[in-house]
Amino acid sequence: MADRTSAYAIGGILDRMDAMAREIPGVMSSEDPECLHRMRVASRRLRAALGLLSEEAGLIDARGLFKLVRSVTKRLGLARDLDVQIAWLNEFVNSCAENERPGVLRLTLRLAQSRAKKQPAINRMLTGLSDSRVMSDARARLEGARVEIAMRGDDAGCGDVERATKVIGLQIESVTRHAAALSYPEASDAHHRLRIEVKRLRYAIEIYRGLYADEEGLDGCVATTKKLQDALGELHDADVWIAMIPELMEREKKRAARYYGTARPFARLAAGYRAIASDRLVHRASLYDAAADLWRSSVERDAWGALRTLLYGAYRDKKSR
């Protein structure tokens, strides 16, 4: 354990561990998809906190814990994607043409079957997580370090505002660099990469904002990053649909051929699959425009310059004391 640890860093990690653990019963019951969504987000936030705070929290070697949490994020992510796709199909079927409904309903069934198959593995993973020695040992070290800090009254201050300002500042640069992708409507992979960078910026601000006096100003920056992240997320979802529909059509054709001896019965389903692909392709154009407009708006009002000013002002104030 580090000689000087930070109560702020310890609390940042423990709070995110608690947020993830709270959702385990709901995820295992699988009655409310939002439980899984919240746990997935909590696991991503915990990974971000481990990446930024583990040394100041006294977790000198957090690789085992980080790897464990990353596996949770990945497993839940696969299920969450299916939950979102099924929810969208349940809405789309109400607006599609009558001849398209059989295909939409069939695809909804297939995705629901795939989702149901993932639940037992999720439950096994979460049972293992609850019993994990890696998780319990990390929690014990963090809680013990917090008690020691309280007893000696000596808090290292989470590497202070200097480190926080550097981390967030570098992430702003990464976001602005990757935002060039929004000049190219078809650059789907680059748009997705930008979304990841925006998400990292948002998490970094959330992790460190308690170190700054102007938390309200930082909350406004979080709101900006969230809007952009959500817009880019919807754009990515549309890209996923567009890419996966041909594969799903081919898979369903093969099922029909195995069952009936010919792929002809798939013809009654094809209209629904094509309707989904067409809707997502058209909608993608508007989603791209929305994401690009959000970015332009943030640049025009100098949101990123204002964030830099806030950060560096706080750092200079600290240096002058």
Protein backbone atom coordinates (compact mmCIF):
# COMPACT_ATOMS: atom_id res chain seq x y z
CA MET A 1 0.00 0.00 0.00
CA ALA A 2 1.21 3.49 -0.81
CA ASP A 3 2.77 5.48 2.02
CA ARG A 4 0.31 8.33 1.53
CA THR A 5 -3.16 7.54 0.30
CA SER A 6 -6.09 9.75 -0.55
CA ALA A 7 -9.53 9.50 0.99
CA TYR A 8 -10.91 11.10 -2.16
CA ALA A 9 -9.40 8.38 -4.36
CA ILE A 10 -10.48 5.58 -2.02
CA GLY A 11 -14.02 6.92 -1.92
CA GLY A 12 -14.10 7.30 -5.69
CA ILE A 13 -13.33 3.62 -6.19
CA LEU A 14 -15.45 2.26 -3.33
CA ASP A 15 -18.49 4.30 -4.42
CA ARG A 16 -18.26 2.80 -7.90
CA MET A 17 -17.76 -0.71 -6.53
CA ASP A 18 -20.91 -0.22 -4.44
CA ALA A 19 -22.88 1.11 -7.43
CA MET A 20 -21.98 -1.99 -9.42
CA ALA A 21 -22.74 -4.42 -6.59
CA ARG A 22 -26.17 -2.88 -5.92
CA GLU A 23 -27.42 -3.98 -9.32
CA ILE A 24 -26.46 -7.66 -9.02
CA PRO A 25 -29.83 -8.93 -7.68
CA GLY A 26 -31.79 -7.06 -10.35
CA VAL A 27 -29.52 -8.27 -13.15
CA MET A 28 -29.78 -11.87 -11.98
CA SER A 29 -33.58 -11.70 -11.85
CA SER A 30 -33.55 -10.25 -15.42
CA GLU A 31 -36.96 -8.66 -14.85
CA ASP A 32 -35.87 -5.09 -15.56
CA PRO A 33 -33.32 -4.51 -18.37
CA GLU A 34 -32.37 -1.19 -16.78
CA CYS A 35 -30.66 -3.03 -13.91
CA LEU A 36 -28.24 -4.56 -16.39
CA HIS A 37 -27.77 -1.21 -18.10
CA ARG A 38 -26.95 0.51 -14.80
CA MET A 39 -24.54 -2.23 -13.79
CA ARG A 40 -22.74 -2.08 -17.11
CA VAL A 41 -22.35 1.69 -16.81
CA ALA A 42 -21.20 1.30 -13.20
CA SER A 43 -18.57 -1.24 -14.29
CA ARG A 44 -17.25 1.16 -16.93
CA ARG A 45 -17.08 3.96 -14.38
CA LEU A 46 -15.26 1.67 -11.97
CA ARG A 47 -12.71 0.81 -14.64
CA ALA A 48 -12.18 4.50 -15.31
CA ALA A 49 -11.72 5.18 -11.60
CA LEU A 50 -9.25 2.31 -11.26
CA GLY A 51 -7.27 3.68 -14.19
CA LEU A 52 -7.06 7.16 -12.69
CA LEU A 53 -7.20 6.68 -8.91
CA SER A 54 -5.78 3.26 -8.01
CA GLU A 55 -2.29 4.48 -7.10
CA GLU A 56 -3.59 7.30 -4.88
CA ALA A 57 -6.02 4.82 -3.33
CA GLY A 58 -3.20 2.47 -2.35
CA LEU A 59 -4.02 -0.19 -4.96
CA ILE A 60 -0.51 -0.28 -6.37
CA ASP A 61 -1.26 -3.34 -8.53
CA ALA A 62 -4.91 -3.17 -9.60
CA ARG A 63 -4.49 -5.26 -12.75
CA GLY A 64 -6.40 -8.25 -11.41
CA LEU A 65 -9.34 -6.13 -10.31
CA PHE A 66 -9.32 -4.15 -13.56
CA LYS A 67 -9.33 -7.38 -15.59
CA LEU A 68 -12.22 -8.77 -13.54
CA VAL A 69 -14.31 -5.64 -13.99
CA ARG A 70 -13.52 -5.51 -17.70
CA SER A 71 -14.87 -9.04 -18.12
CA VAL A 72 -18.09 -7.94 -16.41
CA THR A 73 -18.43 -4.97 -18.75
CA LYS A 74 -17.90 -7.16 -21.80
CA ARG A 75 -20.38 -9.85 -20.78
CA LEU A 76 -23.05 -7.34 -19.82
CA GLY A 77 -22.41 -5.35 -22.98
CA LEU A 78 -23.38 -8.26 -25.22
CA ALA A 79 -26.65 -8.69 -23.33
CA ARG A 80 -27.35 -4.95 -23.24
CA ASP A 81 -27.00 -4.68 -27.01
CA LEU A 82 -29.66 -7.35 -27.39
CA ASP A 83 -31.95 -5.66 -24.86
CA VAL A 84 -31.74 -2.38 -26.79
CA GLN A 85 -32.32 -4.08 -30.14
CA ILE A 86 -35.33 -6.02 -28.85
CA ALA A 87 -36.85 -2.89 -27.32
CA TRP A 88 -36.46 -1.03 -30.60
CA LEU A 89 -38.03 -3.88 -32.59
CA ASN A 90 -41.00 -3.93 -30.22
CA GLU A 91 -41.59 -0.28 -31.12
CA PHE A 92 -40.86 -0.65 -34.84
CA VAL A 93 -43.34 -3.50 -35.32
CA ASN A 94 -46.18 -1.12 -34.46
CA SER A 95 -45.32 1.25 -37.30
CA CYS A 96 -44.24 -1.09 -40.08
CA ALA A 97 -46.42 -2.33 -42.95
CA GLU A 98 -48.51 -5.47 -42.55
CA ASN A 99 -46.38 -7.50 -44.95
CA GLU A 100 -43.29 -6.49 -42.95
CA ARG A 101 -44.58 -7.63 -39.58
CA PRO A 102 -43.77 -11.38 -39.95
CA GLY A 103 -40.08 -10.64 -40.56
CA VAL A 104 -39.87 -8.10 -37.75
CA LEU A 105 -41.56 -10.48 -35.32
CA ARG A 106 -39.32 -13.35 -36.39
CA LEU A 107 -36.18 -11.31 -35.83
CA THR A 108 -37.53 -10.18 -32.45
CA LEU A 109 -38.00 -13.84 -31.53
CA ARG A 110 -34.47 -14.76 -32.63
CA LEU A 111 -32.88 -11.96 -30.64
CA ALA A 112 -35.00 -12.80 -27.58
CA GLN A 113 -33.84 -16.42 -27.84
CA SER A 114 -30.23 -15.28 -28.06
CA ARG A 115 -30.72 -13.00 -25.05
CA ALA A 116 -32.28 -15.78 -22.97
CA LYS A 117 -29.29 -18.02 -23.69
CA LYS A 118 -26.92 -15.43 -22.26
CA GLN A 119 -28.68 -15.08 -18.90
CA PRO A 120 -27.41 -18.31 -17.23
CA ALA A 121 -23.80 -17.36 -18.00
CA ILE A 122 -24.42 -13.86 -16.64
CA ASN A 123 -25.82 -15.31 -13.42
CA ARG A 124 -22.82 -17.61 -13.03
CA MET A 125 -20.48 -14.69 -13.60
CA LEU A 126 -22.26 -12.51 -11.04
CA THR A 127 -22.31 -15.31 -8.48
CA GLY A 128 -18.56 -15.61 -8.95
CA LEU A 129 -18.20 -11.87 -8.68
CA SER A 130 -20.00 -11.81 -5.33
CA ASP A 131 -17.62 -14.50 -4.05
CA SER A 132 -14.53 -13.05 -5.74
CA ARG A 133 -11.39 -12.97 -3.63
CA VAL A 134 -9.98 -10.25 -5.88
CA MET A 135 -12.97 -8.00 -5.21
CA SER A 136 -13.16 -8.69 -1.48
CA ASP A 137 -9.42 -8.21 -0.97
CA ALA A 138 -9.46 -4.89 -2.83
CA ARG A 139 -12.43 -3.68 -0.78
CA ALA A 140 -10.74 -4.71 2.47
CA ARG A 141 -7.54 -2.84 1.54
CA LEU A 142 -9.46 0.28 0.56
CA GLU A 143 -11.62 0.32 3.67
CA GLY A 144 -8.58 -0.30 5.88
CA ALA A 145 -6.68 2.56 4.22
CA ARG A 146 -9.63 4.89 4.73
CA VAL A 147 -9.64 4.10 8.45
CA GLU A 148 -5.89 4.74 8.66
CA ILE A 149 -6.30 8.14 6.97
CA ALA A 150 -9.05 9.11 9.41
CA MET A 151 -6.91 8.05 12.36
CA ARG A 152 -3.77 9.97 11.35
CA GLY A 153 -5.59 12.91 9.73
CA ASP A 154 -3.15 12.94 6.81
CA ASP A 155 -4.77 12.89 3.38
CA ALA A 156 -2.55 13.03 0.29
CA GLY A 157 -5.35 14.74 -1.66
CA CYS A 158 -5.68 12.44 -4.67
CA GLY A 159 -2.57 13.72 -6.41
CA ASP A 160 -4.20 17.20 -6.14
CA VAL A 161 -5.68 19.36 -8.84
CA GLU A 162 -2.50 19.31 -10.92
CA ARG A 163 -2.90 15.65 -11.88
CA ALA A 164 -6.64 16.02 -12.45
CA THR A 165 -6.11 19.04 -14.70
CA LYS A 166 -3.49 17.21 -16.73
CA VAL A 167 -5.66 14.09 -17.18
CA ILE A 168 -8.77 16.01 -18.22
CA GLY A 169 -6.78 18.42 -20.39
CA LEU A 170 -5.16 15.59 -22.33
CA GLN A 171 -8.54 13.94 -22.81
CA ILE A 172 -10.01 17.18 -24.19
CA GLU A 173 -7.19 17.17 -26.76
CA SER A 174 -7.97 13.58 -27.67
CA VAL A 175 -11.66 14.37 -28.17
CA THR A 176 -10.98 17.40 -30.35
CA ARG A 177 -8.49 15.42 -32.43
CA HIS A 178 -10.91 12.54 -33.05
CA ALA A 179 -13.80 14.95 -33.75
CA ALA A 180 -12.34 15.51 -37.23
CA ALA A 181 -14.18 12.28 -38.12
CA LEU A 182 -17.47 14.19 -38.05
CA SER A 183 -16.43 15.84 -41.31
CA TYR A 184 -16.90 12.45 -42.99
CA PRO A 185 -20.48 11.07 -42.86
CA GLU A 186 -19.53 7.46 -43.66
CA ALA A 187 -16.60 7.15 -41.23
CA SER A 188 -18.53 4.88 -38.87
CA ASP A 189 -15.48 3.34 -37.16
CA ALA A 190 -14.01 6.78 -36.49
CA HIS A 191 -17.36 8.03 -35.17
CA HIS A 192 -17.43 5.11 -32.73
CA ARG A 193 -13.87 5.89 -31.64
CA LEU A 194 -14.90 9.49 -31.01
CA ARG A 195 -17.76 8.27 -28.82
CA ILE A 196 -15.27 6.28 -26.72
CA GLU A 197 -13.04 9.34 -26.29
CA VAL A 198 -16.02 11.53 -25.32
CA LYS A 199 -17.09 8.91 -22.78
CA ARG A 200 -13.59 8.84 -21.28
CA LEU A 201 -13.66 12.62 -20.96
CA ARG A 202 -17.03 12.52 -19.24
CA TYR A 203 -15.88 9.88 -16.76
CA ALA A 204 -12.66 11.77 -16.01
CA ILE A 205 -14.60 14.95 -15.24
CA GLU A 206 -17.03 13.00 -13.05
CA ILE A 207 -14.17 11.36 -11.16
CA TYR A 208 -12.26 14.56 -10.45
CA ARG A 209 -14.96 17.25 -10.20
CA GLY A 210 -15.04 17.07 -6.40
CA LEU A 211 -11.51 18.53 -6.39
CA TYR A 212 -12.68 21.75 -8.06
CA ALA A 213 -14.53 24.63 -6.44
CA ASP A 214 -16.67 25.21 -9.54
CA GLU A 215 -18.48 21.87 -9.54
CA GLU A 216 -21.50 23.51 -11.15
CA GLY A 217 -19.39 24.58 -14.12
CA LEU A 218 -18.05 21.06 -14.48
CA ASP A 219 -21.58 19.66 -14.28
CA GLY A 220 -22.39 21.74 -17.35
CA CYS A 221 -19.41 20.17 -19.13
CA VAL A 222 -20.62 16.71 -18.12
CA ALA A 223 -24.03 17.52 -19.62
CA THR A 224 -22.37 18.55 -22.90
CA THR A 225 -20.32 15.36 -23.09
CA LYS A 226 -23.35 13.23 -22.24
CA LYS A 227 -25.43 14.73 -25.07
CA LEU A 228 -22.62 14.15 -27.55
CA GLN A 229 -21.97 10.64 -26.23
CA ASP A 230 -25.66 9.75 -26.51
CA ALA A 231 -25.89 11.12 -30.06
CA LEU A 232 -22.82 9.17 -31.14
CA GLY A 233 -24.18 6.08 -29.37
CA GLU A 234 -27.42 6.22 -31.37
CA LEU A 235 -25.38 6.66 -34.53
CA HIS A 236 -23.34 3.57 -33.66
CA ASP A 237 -26.49 1.57 -32.93
CA ALA A 238 -27.77 2.38 -36.42
CA ASP A 239 -24.42 1.34 -37.91
CA VAL A 240 -24.62 -1.97 -36.06
CA TRP A 241 -28.12 -2.65 -37.44
CA ILE A 242 -27.04 -1.81 -40.99
CA ALA A 243 -24.06 -4.16 -40.75
CA MET A 244 -25.86 -7.04 -39.05
CA ILE A 245 -29.09 -7.31 -41.09
CA PRO A 246 -27.51 -9.07 -44.12
CA GLU A 247 -25.90 -11.62 -41.79
CA LEU A 248 -29.17 -12.18 -39.89
CA MET A 249 -31.07 -12.63 -43.16
CA GLU A 250 -28.59 -15.22 -44.35
CA ARG A 251 -28.78 -17.05 -41.04
CA GLU A 252 -32.58 -17.20 -41.18
CA LYS A 253 -32.46 -18.44 -44.79
CA LYS A 254 -30.21 -21.30 -43.71
CA ARG A 255 -32.61 -22.17 -40.88
CA ALA A 256 -35.48 -22.32 -43.36
CA ALA A 257 -33.45 -24.50 -45.72
CA ARG A 258 -32.56 -26.94 -42.94
CA TYR A 259 -36.15 -27.15 -41.68
CA TYR A 260 -38.08 -27.15 -44.97
CA GLY A 261 -35.42 -28.40 -47.35
CA THR A 262 -35.61 -25.09 -49.21
CA ALA A 263 -35.03 -21.43 -48.38
CA ARG A 264 -38.25 -20.32 -50.16
CA PRO A 265 -40.30 -19.93 -46.94
CA PHE A 266 -37.95 -17.11 -45.97
CA ALA A 267 -39.54 -15.00 -48.71
CA ARG A 268 -42.46 -14.05 -46.44
CA LEU A 269 -39.99 -12.75 -43.85
CA ALA A 270 -37.65 -10.87 -46.16
CA ALA A 271 -39.76 -7.70 -46.35
CA GLY A 272 -39.48 -7.19 -42.60
CA TYR A 273 -35.71 -7.57 -42.59
CA ARG A 274 -35.38 -5.17 -45.53
CA ALA A 275 -37.70 -2.68 -43.81
CA ILE A 276 -35.45 -2.65 -40.73
CA ALA A 277 -32.32 -2.10 -42.82
CA SER A 278 -34.00 0.67 -44.83
CA ASP A 279 -35.32 2.45 -41.73
CA ARG A 280 -31.94 2.38 -40.01
CA LEU A 281 -30.14 3.56 -43.13
CA VAL A 282 -32.45 6.57 -43.52
CA HIS A 283 -32.39 7.30 -39.79
CA ARG A 284 -28.60 7.13 -39.74
CA ALA A 285 -28.37 10.22 -41.92
CA SER A 286 -30.38 12.27 -39.42
CA LEU A 287 -28.41 10.83 -36.50
CA TYR A 288 -25.15 11.82 -38.16
CA ASP A 289 -26.45 15.34 -38.74
CA ALA A 290 -27.53 15.58 -35.10
CA ALA A 291 -24.12 14.46 -33.80
CA ALA A 292 -22.26 16.80 -36.15
CA ASP A 293 -24.53 19.71 -35.14
CA LEU A 294 -23.91 19.03 -31.46
CA TRP A 295 -20.17 19.12 -32.02
CA ARG A 296 -20.33 22.32 -34.08
CA SER A 297 -22.49 23.94 -31.42
CA SER A 298 -20.01 23.00 -28.67
CA VAL A 299 -17.15 24.50 -30.70
CA GLU A 300 -19.07 27.68 -31.58
CA ARG A 301 -19.85 28.43 -27.95
CA ASP A 302 -16.27 27.48 -27.01
CA ALA A 303 -17.37 24.76 -24.57
CA TRP A 304 -13.95 23.09 -24.65
CA GLY A 305 -12.05 26.36 -24.25
CA ALA A 306 -14.27 27.23 -21.29
CA LEU A 307 -13.53 23.84 -19.75
CA ARG A 308 -9.78 24.39 -20.17
CA THR A 309 -10.09 27.83 -18.61
CA LEU A 310 -11.95 26.41 -15.62
CA LEU A 311 -9.38 23.66 -15.12
CA TYR A 312 -6.25 25.76 -15.54
CA GLY A 313 -7.71 28.59 -13.45
CA ALA A 314 -8.26 26.20 -10.56
CA TYR A 315 -4.72 24.87 -10.97
CA ARG A 316 -3.20 28.37 -10.97
CA ASP A 317 -5.22 29.29 -7.88
CA LYS A 318 -3.84 26.25 -6.07
CA LYS A 319 -0.27 27.03 -7.12
CA SER A 320 -0.54 30.62 -5.86
CA ARG A 321 -1.59 29.64 -2.34
